[in-house]
C-alpha atoms as a PDB file:
ATOM      1  CA  MET A   1       0.345 -21.823  19.360  1.00  0.00           C
ATOM      2  CA  ILE A   2       3.733 -20.090  19.655  1.00  0.00           C
ATOM      3  CA  GLN A   3       4.166 -20.211  15.882  1.00  0.00           C
ATOM      4  CA  ALA A   4       0.696 -18.701  15.362  1.00  0.00           C
ATOM      5  CA  ARG A   5       1.430 -15.869  17.788  1.00  0.00           C
ATOM      6  CA  ARG A   6       4.763 -15.201  16.092  1.00  0.00           C
ATOM      7  CA  THR A   7       3.064 -15.046  12.704  1.00  0.00           C
ATOM      8  CA  ASP A   8       0.390 -12.673  14.011  1.00  0.00           C
ATOM      9  CA  ALA A   9       3.097 -10.467  15.534  1.00  0.00           C
ATOM     10  CA  VAL A  10       4.937 -10.276  12.202  1.00  0.00           C
ATOM     11  CA  LEU A  11       1.759  -9.307  10.334  1.00  0.00           C
ATOM     12  CA  LEU A  12       0.958  -6.627  12.905  1.00  0.00           C
ATOM     13  CA  LEU A  13       4.519  -5.347  12.577  1.00  0.00           C
ATOM     14  CA  VAL A  14       4.088  -5.104   8.806  1.00  0.00           C
ATOM     15  CA  ALA A  15       0.833  -3.152   9.300  1.00  0.00           C
ATOM     16  CA  LEU A  16       2.593  -0.879  11.802  1.00  0.00           C
ATOM     17  CA  VAL A  17       5.482  -0.258   9.405  1.00  0.00           C
ATOM     18  CA  TRP A  18       3.125   0.565   6.553  1.00  0.00           C
ATOM     19  CA  GLY A  19       1.031   2.782   8.795  1.00  0.00           C
ATOM     20  CA  SER A  20       4.125   4.684   9.909  1.00  0.00           C
ATOM     21  CA  SER A  21       5.304   5.165   6.315  1.00  0.00           C
ATOM     22  CA  TYR A  22       3.009   8.180   5.837  1.00  0.00           C
ATOM     23  CA  LEU A  23       4.645  10.164   8.632  1.00  0.00           C
ATOM     24  CA  ALA A  24       8.089   9.090   7.408  1.00  0.00           C
ATOM     25  CA  ALA A  25       7.260  10.253   3.871  1.00  0.00           C
ATOM     26  CA  LYS A  26       5.835  13.524   5.166  1.00  0.00           C
ATOM     27  CA  THR A  27       8.990  14.176   7.201  1.00  0.00           C
ATOM     28  CA  ALA A  28      11.271  13.310   4.280  1.00  0.00           C
ATOM     29  CA  THR A  29       9.389  15.572   1.843  1.00  0.00           C
ATOM     30  CA  ALA A  30       9.735  18.452   4.298  1.00  0.00           C
ATOM     31  CA  ALA A  31      13.520  18.278   3.814  1.00  0.00           C
ATOM     32  CA  LEU A  32      13.779  17.158   0.178  1.00  0.00           C
ATOM     33  CA  PRO A  33      11.755  17.550  -3.058  1.00  0.00           C
ATOM     34  CA  VAL A  34       9.148  14.845  -3.584  1.00  0.00           C
ATOM     35  CA  LEU A  35      10.752  13.476  -6.754  1.00  0.00           C
ATOM     36  CA  VAL A  36      14.137  13.217  -5.029  1.00  0.00           C
ATOM     37  CA  VAL A  37      12.540  11.326  -2.152  1.00  0.00           C
ATOM     38  CA  LEU A  38      10.918   8.910  -4.590  1.00  0.00           C
ATOM     39  CA  PHE A  39      14.125   8.387  -6.564  1.00  0.00           C
ATOM     40  CA  ALA A  40      16.194   7.739  -3.427  1.00  0.00           C
ATOM     41  CA  ARG A  41      13.547   5.390  -2.010  1.00  0.00           C
ATOM     42  CA  TYR A  42      13.390   3.393  -5.229  1.00  0.00           C
ATOM     43  CA  LEU A  43      17.161   3.284  -5.648  1.00  0.00           C
ATOM     44  CA  LEU A  44      17.785   1.983  -2.129  1.00  0.00           C
ATOM     45  CA  SER A  45      14.940  -0.543  -2.502  1.00  0.00           C
ATOM     46  CA  ALA A  46      16.258  -1.710  -5.877  1.00  0.00           C
ATOM     47  CA  VAL A  47      19.758  -2.328  -4.530  1.00  0.00           C
ATOM     48  CA  ALA A  48      18.393  -4.336  -1.603  1.00  0.00           C
ATOM     49  CA  CYS A  49      15.963  -6.329  -3.784  1.00  0.00           C
ATOM     50  CA  LEU A  50      18.617  -7.119  -6.401  1.00  0.00           C
ATOM     51  CA  VAL A  51      20.886  -8.475  -3.690  1.00  0.00           C
ATOM     52  CA  LEU A  52      18.116 -10.618  -2.219  1.00  0.00           C
ATOM     53  CA  ALA A  53      16.894 -11.800  -5.632  1.00  0.00           C
ATOM     54  CA  ALA A  54      20.337 -12.285  -7.191  1.00  0.00           C
ATOM     55  CA  PRO A  55      20.440 -15.350  -9.469  1.00  0.00           C
ATOM     56  CA  GLY A  56      21.935 -18.410  -7.837  1.00  0.00           C
ATOM     57  CA  ARG A  57      21.838 -22.134  -7.878  1.00  0.00           C
ATOM     58  CA  ARG A  58      18.558 -22.276  -5.966  1.00  0.00           C
ATOM     59  CA  ARG A  59      16.815 -19.177  -7.333  1.00  0.00           C
ATOM     60  CA  GLY A  60      17.768 -19.128 -10.996  1.00  0.00           C
ATOM     61  CA  SER A  61      17.678 -16.088 -13.278  1.00  0.00           C
ATOM     62  CA  TRP A  62      14.669 -13.865 -14.010  1.00  0.00           C
ATOM     63  CA  THR A  63      12.133 -15.248 -16.453  1.00  0.00           C
ATOM     64  CA  ARG A  64      10.679 -13.281 -19.351  1.00  0.00           C
ATOM     65  CA  ALA A  65       7.291 -13.280 -17.648  1.00  0.00           C
ATOM     66  CA  GLU A  66       8.780 -11.779 -14.472  1.00  0.00           C
ATOM     67  CA  VAL A  67      10.485  -9.026 -16.469  1.00  0.00           C
ATOM     68  CA  ARG A  68       7.400  -8.226 -18.576  1.00  0.00           C
ATOM     69  CA  VAL A  69       4.923  -8.277 -15.706  1.00  0.00           C
ATOM     70  CA  GLY A  70       7.346  -6.451 -13.402  1.00  0.00           C
ATOM     71  CA  ALA A  71       7.860  -3.706 -15.990  1.00  0.00           C
ATOM     72  CA  VAL A  72       4.111  -3.086 -16.327  1.00  0.00           C
ATOM     73  CA  LEU A  73       3.494  -3.178 -12.586  1.00  0.00           C
ATOM     74  CA  GLY A  74       6.553  -0.995 -11.998  1.00  0.00           C
ATOM     75  CA  VAL A  75       4.872   1.809 -13.956  1.00  0.00           C
ATOM     76  CA  THR A  76       1.549   1.515 -12.112  1.00  0.00           C
ATOM     77  CA  GLN A  77       3.285   1.236  -8.741  1.00  0.00           C
ATOM     78  CA  ALA A  78       5.299   4.374  -9.498  1.00  0.00           C
ATOM     79  CA  ALA A  79       2.055   6.212 -10.311  1.00  0.00           C
ATOM     80  CA  VAL A  80       0.654   5.181  -6.926  1.00  0.00           C
ATOM     81  CA  LEU A  81       3.741   6.373  -5.042  1.00  0.00           C
ATOM     82  CA  VAL A  82       3.825   9.702  -6.877  1.00  0.00           C
ATOM     83  CA  LEU A  83       0.252  10.447  -5.849  1.00  0.00           C
ATOM     84  CA  GLU A  84       0.757   9.143  -2.299  1.00  0.00           C
ATOM     85  CA  THR A  85       3.957  11.085  -1.688  1.00  0.00           C
ATOM     86  CA  TYR A  86       2.679  14.359  -3.113  1.00  0.00           C
ATOM     87  CA  GLY A  87      -0.569  13.795  -1.235  1.00  0.00           C
ATOM     88  CA  VAL A  88       0.999  13.161   2.167  1.00  0.00           C
ATOM     89  CA  ALA A  89       3.211  16.224   1.666  1.00  0.00           C
ATOM     90  CA  HIS A  90       0.028  18.350   1.636  1.00  0.00           C
ATOM     91  CA  THR A  91      -2.124  16.639   4.270  1.00  0.00           C
ATOM     92  CA  SER A  92      -1.671  14.959   7.626  1.00  0.00           C
ATOM     93  CA  ALA A  93      -0.085  11.517   7.883  1.00  0.00           C
ATOM     94  CA  ALA A  94      -3.204  10.272   9.717  1.00  0.00           C
ATOM     95  CA  ASN A  95      -5.543  11.494   6.957  1.00  0.00           C
ATOM     96  CA  ALA A  96      -3.291   9.951   4.301  1.00  0.00           C
ATOM     97  CA  GLY A  97      -3.319   6.543   5.976  1.00  0.00           C
ATOM     98  CA  LEU A  98      -7.076   6.600   6.417  1.00  0.00           C
ATOM     99  CA  ILE A  99      -7.986   7.769   2.915  1.00  0.00           C
ATOM    100  CA  ILE A 100      -5.639   5.296   1.207  1.00  0.00           C
ATOM    101  CA  SER A 101      -7.420   2.474   3.046  1.00  0.00           C
ATOM    102  CA  LEU A 102     -10.275   3.036   0.574  1.00  0.00           C
ATOM    103  CA  THR A 103      -8.233   0.653  -1.578  1.00  0.00           C
ATOM    104  CA  ILE A 104      -9.705  -2.215   0.463  1.00  0.00           C
ATOM    105  CA  VAL A 105     -13.235  -1.544  -0.794  1.00  0.00           C
ATOM    106  CA  LEU A 106     -12.308  -0.179  -4.222  1.00  0.00           C
ATOM    107  CA  THR A 107     -10.216  -3.171  -5.316  1.00  0.00           C
ATOM    108  CA  PRO A 108     -13.107  -5.702  -5.404  1.00  0.00           C
ATOM    109  CA  LEU A 109     -15.079  -3.234  -7.541  1.00  0.00           C
ATOM    110  CA  LEU A 110     -12.269  -3.157 -10.113  1.00  0.00           C
ATOM    111  CA  ASP A 111     -11.049  -6.749  -9.895  1.00  0.00           C
ATOM    112  CA  ARG A 112     -13.585  -9.087 -11.486  1.00  0.00           C
ATOM    113  CA  SER A 113     -10.963 -11.684 -12.462  1.00  0.00           C
ATOM    114  CA  ALA A 114     -11.882 -13.979  -9.574  1.00  0.00           C
ATOM    115  CA  GLY A 115     -15.229 -14.790 -11.193  1.00  0.00           C
ATOM    116  CA  THR A 116     -17.183 -14.495  -7.951  1.00  0.00           C
ATOM    117  CA  GLY A 117     -20.207 -12.759  -9.473  1.00  0.00           C
ATOM    118  CA  PRO A 118     -21.862  -9.474  -8.455  1.00  0.00           C
ATOM    119  CA  LEU A 119     -21.035  -8.154  -5.002  1.00  0.00           C
ATOM    120  CA  PRO A 120     -23.884  -8.126  -2.447  1.00  0.00           C
ATOM    121  CA  PRO A 121     -25.669  -4.841  -1.593  1.00  0.00           C
ATOM    122  CA  ARG A 122     -24.058  -4.806   1.868  1.00  0.00           C
ATOM    123  CA  PHE A 123     -20.680  -4.262   0.227  1.00  0.00           C
ATOM    124  CA  PHE A 124     -21.902  -1.108  -1.487  1.00  0.00           C
ATOM    125  CA  ALA A 125     -23.356   0.080   1.810  1.00  0.00           C
ATOM    126  CA  ALA A 126     -19.887  -0.331   3.362  1.00  0.00           C
ATOM    127  CA  THR A 127     -18.385   1.591   0.430  1.00  0.00           C
ATOM    128  CA  ALA A 128     -20.883   4.410   1.023  1.00  0.00           C
ATOM    129  CA  VAL A 129     -19.784   4.563   4.670  1.00  0.00           C
ATOM    130  CA  CYS A 130     -16.167   4.894   3.524  1.00  0.00           C
ATOM    131  CA  LEU A 131     -17.023   7.674   1.077  1.00  0.00           C
ATOM    132  CA  LEU A 132     -18.867   9.532   3.829  1.00  0.00           C
ATOM    133  CA  ALA A 133     -15.771   9.082   5.979  1.00  0.00           C
ATOM    134  CA  VAL A 134     -13.592  10.622   3.258  1.00  0.00           C
ATOM    135  CA  GLY A 135     -15.862  13.657   3.141  1.00  0.00           C
ATOM    136  CA  LEU A 136     -15.590  14.109   6.901  1.00  0.00           C
ATOM    137  CA  LEU A 137     -11.811  13.651   6.854  1.00  0.00           C
ATOM    138  CA  MET A 138     -11.477  16.275   4.148  1.00  0.00           C
ATOM    139  CA  SER A 139     -13.652  18.678   6.120  1.00  0.00           C
ATOM    140  CA  GLY A 140     -11.157  18.879   8.989  1.00  0.00           C
ATOM    141  CA  ASN A 141     -12.710  21.088  11.656  1.00  0.00           C
ATOM    142  CA  GLY A 142     -15.619  22.151   9.468  1.00  0.00           C
ATOM    143  CA  PHE A 143     -17.003  21.766   5.969  1.00  0.00           C
ATOM    144  CA  HIS A 144     -14.912  23.594   3.380  1.00  0.00           C
ATOM    145  CA  ARG A 145     -13.218  23.048   0.044  1.00  0.00           C
ATOM    146  CA  PRO A 146     -11.209  19.771   0.104  1.00  0.00           C
ATOM    147  CA  GLY A 147      -7.448  20.184   0.404  1.00  0.00           C
ATOM    148  CA  THR A 148      -5.061  19.272  -2.405  1.00  0.00           C
ATOM    149  CA  GLY A 149      -3.359  16.572  -0.323  1.00  0.00           C
ATOM    150  CA  ASP A 150      -6.625  14.828   0.521  1.00  0.00           C
ATOM    151  CA  LEU A 151      -7.737  14.841  -3.122  1.00  0.00           C
ATOM    152  CA  LEU A 152      -4.387  13.392  -4.202  1.00  0.00           C
ATOM    153  CA  MET A 153      -4.696  10.630  -1.595  1.00  0.00           C
ATOM    154  CA  LEU A 154      -8.203   9.876  -2.848  1.00  0.00           C
ATOM    155  CA  LEU A 155      -6.870   9.573  -6.392  1.00  0.00           C
ATOM    156  CA  ALA A 156      -3.980   7.449  -5.067  1.00  0.00           C
ATOM    157  CA  ALA A 157      -6.492   5.041  -3.501  1.00  0.00           C
ATOM    158  CA  VAL A 158      -8.232   4.614  -6.869  1.00  0.00           C
ATOM    159  CA  VAL A 159      -4.948   4.064  -8.735  1.00  0.00           C
ATOM    160  CA  ARG A 160      -3.669   1.703  -6.039  1.00  0.00           C
ATOM    161  CA  ALA A 161      -6.868  -0.360  -6.297  1.00  0.00           C
ATOM    162  CA  ALA A 162      -6.366  -0.581 -10.066  1.00  0.00           C
ATOM    163  CA  HIS A 163      -2.730  -1.586  -9.481  1.00  0.00           C
ATOM    164  CA  VAL A 164      -3.731  -4.362  -7.058  1.00  0.00           C
ATOM    165  CA  ALA A 165      -6.376  -5.629  -9.493  1.00  0.00           C
ATOM    166  CA  LEU A 166      -3.748  -5.630 -12.255  1.00  0.00           C
ATOM    167  CA  VAL A 167      -1.341  -7.566 -10.028  1.00  0.00           C
ATOM    168  CA  GLY A 168      -3.965 -10.254  -9.536  1.00  0.00           C
ATOM    169  CA  ARG A 169      -4.788 -10.430 -13.226  1.00  0.00           C
ATOM    170  CA  LEU A 170      -1.209 -10.571 -14.537  1.00  0.00           C
ATOM    171  CA  THR A 171       0.214 -12.916 -11.909  1.00  0.00           C
ATOM    172  CA  ALA A 172      -2.687 -15.328 -12.479  1.00  0.00           C
ATOM    173  CA  ARG A 173      -1.750 -15.614 -16.146  1.00  0.00           C
ATOM    174  CA  HIS A 174       2.013 -15.809 -15.721  1.00  0.00           C
ATOM    175  CA  PRO A 175       3.934 -17.748 -13.023  1.00  0.00           C
ATOM    176  CA  VAL A 176       6.227 -15.272 -11.274  1.00  0.00           C
ATOM    177  CA  ARG A 177       8.263 -15.242  -8.058  1.00  0.00           C
ATOM    178  CA  PRO A 178       7.354 -12.399  -5.689  1.00  0.00           C
ATOM    179  CA  MET A 179      10.892 -11.259  -4.864  1.00  0.00           C
ATOM    180  CA  GLN A 180      12.021 -11.250  -8.492  1.00  0.00           C
ATOM    181  CA  LEU A 181       8.859  -9.392  -9.466  1.00  0.00           C
ATOM    182  CA  THR A 182       9.472  -6.763  -6.776  1.00  0.00           C
ATOM    183  CA  ALA A 183      13.098  -6.362  -7.876  1.00  0.00           C
ATOM    184  CA  VAL A 184      12.005  -5.595 -11.444  1.00  0.00           C
ATOM    185  CA  GLN A 185       9.412  -3.097 -10.202  1.00  0.00           C
ATOM    186  CA  THR A 186      11.969  -1.231  -8.089  1.00  0.00           C
ATOM    187  CA  VAL A 187      14.446  -1.062 -10.989  1.00  0.00           C
ATOM    188  CA  VAL A 188      11.724   0.296 -13.285  1.00  0.00           C
ATOM    189  CA  GLY A 189      10.733   2.869 -10.659  1.00  0.00           C
ATOM    190  CA  THR A 190      14.344   3.966 -10.229  1.00  0.00           C
ATOM    191  CA  ALA A 191      14.663   4.465 -13.987  1.00  0.00           C
ATOM    192  CA  LEU A 192      11.383   6.404 -14.179  1.00  0.00           C
ATOM    193  CA  PHE A 193      12.388   8.883 -11.460  1.00  0.00           C
ATOM    194  CA  ALA A 194      16.075   9.209 -12.372  1.00  0.00           C
ATOM    195  CA  LEU A 195      15.611  11.954 -14.992  1.00  0.00           C
ATOM    196  CA  PRO A 196      12.836  13.977 -13.282  1.00  0.00           C
ATOM    197  CA  ALA A 197      14.798  13.965 -10.014  1.00  0.00           C
ATOM    198  CA  ALA A 198      18.211  14.650 -11.589  1.00  0.00           C
ATOM    199  CA  GLY A 199      18.124  18.372 -10.863  1.00  0.00           C
ATOM    200  CA  GLY A 200      17.477  17.807  -7.155  1.00  0.00           C
ATOM    201  CA  VAL A 201      19.855  14.907  -6.564  1.00  0.00           C
ATOM    202  CA  PRO A 202      22.679  17.214  -5.349  1.00  0.00           C
ATOM    203  CA  ALA A 203      20.357  18.117  -2.461  1.00  0.00           C
ATOM    204  CA  LEU A 204      20.806  14.567  -1.171  1.00  0.00           C
ATOM    205  CA  ALA A 205      24.428  15.330  -0.326  1.00  0.00           C
ATOM    206  CA  GLN A 206      23.303  18.233   1.859  1.00  0.00           C
ATOM    207  CA  ALA A 207      20.310  16.462   3.384  1.00  0.00           C
ATOM    208  CA  PRO A 208      20.360  16.170   7.187  1.00  0.00           C
ATOM    209  CA  ALA A 209      20.891  12.811   8.835  1.00  0.00           C
ATOM    210  CA  ALA A 210      17.214  12.703   9.839  1.00  0.00           C
ATOM    211  CA  ALA A 211      16.148  12.881   6.178  1.00  0.00           C
ATOM    212  CA  TRP A 212      18.493  10.029   5.273  1.00  0.00           C
ATOM    213  CA  ALA A 213      17.101   8.011   8.159  1.00  0.00           C
ATOM    214  CA  GLN A 214      13.571   8.518   6.802  1.00  0.00           C
ATOM    215  CA  LEU A 215      14.667   7.517   3.293  1.00  0.00           C
ATOM    216  CA  GLY A 216      16.365   4.393   4.612  1.00  0.00           C
ATOM    217  CA  TYR A 217      13.292   3.524   6.656  1.00  0.00           C
ATOM    218  CA  LEU A 218      10.963   3.974   3.662  1.00  0.00           C
ATOM    219  CA  ALA A 219      13.158   1.885   1.381  1.00  0.00           C
ATOM    220  CA  LEU A 220      14.426  -0.896   3.619  1.00  0.00           C
ATOM    221  CA  PHE A 221      11.607  -1.290   6.127  1.00  0.00           C
ATOM    222  CA  CYS A 222       8.421  -0.019   4.420  1.00  0.00           C
ATOM    223  CA  SER A 223       9.321  -1.636   1.102  1.00  0.00           C
ATOM    224  CA  VAL A 224      11.817  -4.525   1.324  1.00  0.00           C
ATOM    225  CA  PHE A 225      11.327  -5.759   4.896  1.00  0.00           C
ATOM    226  CA  ALA A 226       7.538  -5.371   4.826  1.00  0.00           C
ATOM    227  CA  PHE A 227       7.290  -7.326   1.586  1.00  0.00           C
ATOM    228  CA  VAL A 228       9.523 -10.197   2.719  1.00  0.00           C
ATOM    229  CA  ALA A 229       7.872 -10.365   6.153  1.00  0.00           C
ATOM    230  CA  GLN A 230       4.389 -10.312   4.640  1.00  0.00           C
ATOM    231  CA  THR A 231       5.268 -13.136   2.251  1.00  0.00           C
ATOM    232  CA  TRP A 232       6.748 -15.221   5.096  1.00  0.00           C
ATOM    233  CA  ALA A 233       3.755 -14.671   7.385  1.00  0.00           C
ATOM    234  CA  VAL A 234       1.000 -15.181   4.807  1.00  0.00           C
ATOM    235  CA  GLN A 235       2.443 -18.623   4.015  1.00  0.00           C
ATOM    236  CA  ARG A 236       1.927 -19.597   7.670  1.00  0.00           C
ATOM    237  CA  THR A 237      -1.621 -18.410   8.340  1.00  0.00           C
ATOM    238  CA  SER A 238      -5.009 -18.109   6.667  1.00  0.00           C
ATOM    239  CA  ALA A 239      -5.723 -15.402   4.106  1.00  0.00           C
ATOM    240  CA  SER A 240      -8.625 -14.135   6.230  1.00  0.00           C
ATOM    241  CA  ARG A 241      -6.499 -13.727   9.345  1.00  0.00           C
ATOM    242  CA  ALA A 242      -3.675 -12.109   7.373  1.00  0.00           C
ATOM    243  CA  SER A 243      -6.018  -9.573   5.741  1.00  0.00           C
ATOM    244  CA  LEU A 244      -7.612  -8.793   9.104  1.00  0.00           C
ATOM    245  CA  LEU A 245      -4.247  -8.051  10.747  1.00  0.00           C
ATOM    246  CA  LEU A 246      -2.848  -6.150   7.753  1.00  0.00           C
ATOM    247  CA  GLY A 247      -6.087  -4.169   7.675  1.00  0.00           C
ATOM    248  CA  THR A 248      -5.024  -2.430  10.888  1.00  0.00           C
ATOM    249  CA  GLU A 249      -2.701  -0.231   8.780  1.00  0.00           C
ATOM    250  CA  PRO A 250      -4.942   2.892   8.952  1.00  0.00           C
ATOM    251  CA  VAL A 251      -5.232   2.489  12.730  1.00  0.00           C
ATOM    252  CA  TRP A 252      -1.442   2.557  13.033  1.00  0.00           C
ATOM    253  CA  ALA A 253      -1.259   5.526  10.644  1.00  0.00           C
ATOM    254  CA  VAL A 254      -3.532   7.497  12.977  1.00  0.00           C
ATOM    255  CA  ALA A 255      -1.659   6.371  16.113  1.00  0.00           C
ATOM    256  CA  VAL A 256       1.759   7.276  14.676  1.00  0.00           C
ATOM    257  CA  GLY A 257       0.508  10.588  13.276  1.00  0.00           C
ATOM    258  CA  ILE A 258      -0.946  11.636  16.627  1.00  0.00           C
ATOM    259  CA  CYS A 259       1.696  10.209  18.999  1.00  0.00           C
ATOM    260  CA  LEU A 260       4.853  10.948  17.004  1.00  0.00           C
ATOM    261  CA  GLY A 261       3.740  13.600  14.536  1.00  0.00           C
ATOM    262  CA  GLY A 262       1.757  15.721  16.986  1.00  0.00           C
ATOM    263  CA  GLU A 263      -1.280  15.725  14.685  1.00  0.00           C
ATOM    264  CA  ARG A 264      -4.763  16.391  16.015  1.00  0.00           C
ATOM    265  CA  PHE A 265      -8.279  15.545  14.847  1.00  0.00           C
ATOM    266  CA  GLY A 266     -11.267  17.841  14.941  1.00  0.00           C
ATOM    267  CA  VAL A 267     -14.733  16.468  15.698  1.00  0.00           C
ATOM    268  CA  PHE A 268     -15.640  15.869  12.032  1.00  0.00           C
ATOM    269  CA  ALA A 269     -12.275  14.309  11.200  1.00  0.00           C
ATOM    270  CA  ALA A 270     -12.420  12.044  14.263  1.00  0.00           C
ATOM    271  CA  LEU A 271     -15.876  10.849  13.217  1.00  0.00           C
ATOM    272  CA  GLY A 272     -14.523  10.299   9.709  1.00  0.00           C
ATOM    273  CA  ALA A 273     -11.659   8.203  11.105  1.00  0.00           C
ATOM    274  CA  VAL A 274     -14.079   5.971  13.007  1.00  0.00           C
ATOM    275  CA  LEU A 275     -16.342   5.568   9.971  1.00  0.00           C
ATOM    276  CA  MET A 276     -13.393   4.809   7.674  1.00  0.00           C
ATOM    277  CA  VAL A 277     -12.076   2.016   9.867  1.00  0.00           C
ATOM    278  CA  THR A 278     -15.603   0.653  10.349  1.00  0.00           C
ATOM    279  CA  GLY A 279     -16.451   0.824   6.647  1.00  0.00           C
ATOM    280  CA  THR A 280     -13.236  -0.794   5.435  1.00  0.00           C
ATOM    281  CA  TYR A 281     -13.468  -3.651   7.939  1.00  0.00           C
ATOM    282  CA  TRP A 282     -17.138  -4.172   7.097  1.00  0.00           C
ATOM    283  CA  GLY A 283     -16.498  -4.121   3.363  1.00  0.00           C
ATOM    284  CA  GLN A 284     -13.533  -6.454   3.719  1.00  0.00           C
ATOM    285  CA  ALA A 285     -15.590  -8.943   5.744  1.00  0.00           C
ATOM    286  CA  VAL A 286     -18.499  -8.859   3.259  1.00  0.00           C
ATOM    287  CA  GLU A 287     -16.204  -9.339   0.241  1.00  0.00           C
ATOM    288  CA  ARG A 288     -14.283 -12.161   1.935  1.00  0.00           C
ATOM    289  CA  ALA A 289     -17.487 -14.011   2.836  1.00  0.00           C
ATOM    290  CA  HIS A 290     -18.875 -13.480  -0.686  1.00  0.00           C
ATOM    291  CA  ARG A 291     -15.677 -14.831  -2.245  1.00  0.00           C
ATOM    292  CA  ALA A 292     -15.661 -17.879   0.054  1.00  0.00           C
ATOM    293  CA  THR A 293     -19.289 -18.672  -0.807  1.00  0.00           C
ATOM    294  CA  ALA A 294     -18.618 -18.345  -4.537  1.00  0.00           C
ATOM    295  CA  HIS A 295     -15.594 -20.628  -4.301  1.00  0.00           C
ATOM    296  CA  ARG A 296     -17.590 -23.308  -2.494  1.00  0.00           C
ATOM    297  CA  ARG A 297     -20.152 -23.229  -5.304  1.00  0.00           C
ATOM    298  CA  THR A 298     -17.483 -23.472  -8.035  1.00  0.00           C
ATOM    299  CA  PRO A 299     -14.560 -25.345  -6.421  1.00  0.00           C
ATOM    300  CA  SER A 300     -12.918 -26.193  -9.727  1.00  0.00           C
ATOM    301  CA  ARG A 301     -12.474 -22.616 -10.888  1.00  0.00           C
ATOM    302  CA  ALA A 302      -8.992 -21.140 -10.514  1.00  0.00           C
ATOM    303  CA  THR A 303      -8.879 -17.778  -8.818  1.00  0.00           C
ATOM    304  CA  ALA A 304      -6.537 -14.830  -8.939  1.00  0.00           C
ATOM    305  CA  PRO A 305      -4.695 -13.475  -5.918  1.00  0.00           C
ATOM    306  CA  ALA A 306      -6.723 -10.981  -3.901  1.00  0.00           C
ATOM    307  CA  GLY A 307      -3.962  -8.412  -3.646  1.00  0.00           C
ATOM    308  CA  THR A 308      -0.261  -7.714  -3.631  1.00  0.00           C
END
């Protein structure tokens, strides 16, 4: 019982950290250019991951599969973070966390590698609820032209869903270790942003301590710690319980945005927030039940991981 509670607490902490990452990114981009923030975040993450994944007697060196798969996923992950970071710089942290949660219902639409057959109509009804929620979130205090930040977050959700589906497909074909894979991705991301951010790197030397604190938090807690903690916890609980607890990320994004960021919701946006959380949880439950039923019918079929 104590072990189960500890595992649940770790998963909730990971969801809280991820939910708070949107406000941290928004604060950091207020002090530094977006590309500089991304380069610094990747560089700090890469250093930490390389230390943790350093070859040794027990871990061994990186395999060719880990390098190849990590290089591909490093590019798609960088695309997600570019869209997310530019998006959160132009919208509220709460909106960003809610809109990106569309990934939960978009991923099963893109990932057909599990061989579970067509999704039930209820799943598409849940997706429709989420899309309605996005429209309300973009409306703010009244219906008007969607903001740039909200549109970027919507695009980020689509690209992130494609990235997660690609993770499942590639890691099912090639045996890879999660930490080594993450280390390769962070090195690739650092290389991708090094040149575009070169002109703004001198600004890092003049950045206030608060900006450095946000960068350190994004790199070490939202990336490295969250990944290691998630891996540790998922190995000690069921996939359904883990996904349920990690699915509280948008709730934490709203709580942090309102309590620490001083953000406020209008009537339409508040309704959108409620519908988004409802739709994503509903869609997640429908997809999970559908996958479990399909696996019971075909127990011999190997399946791909559901996400990152």
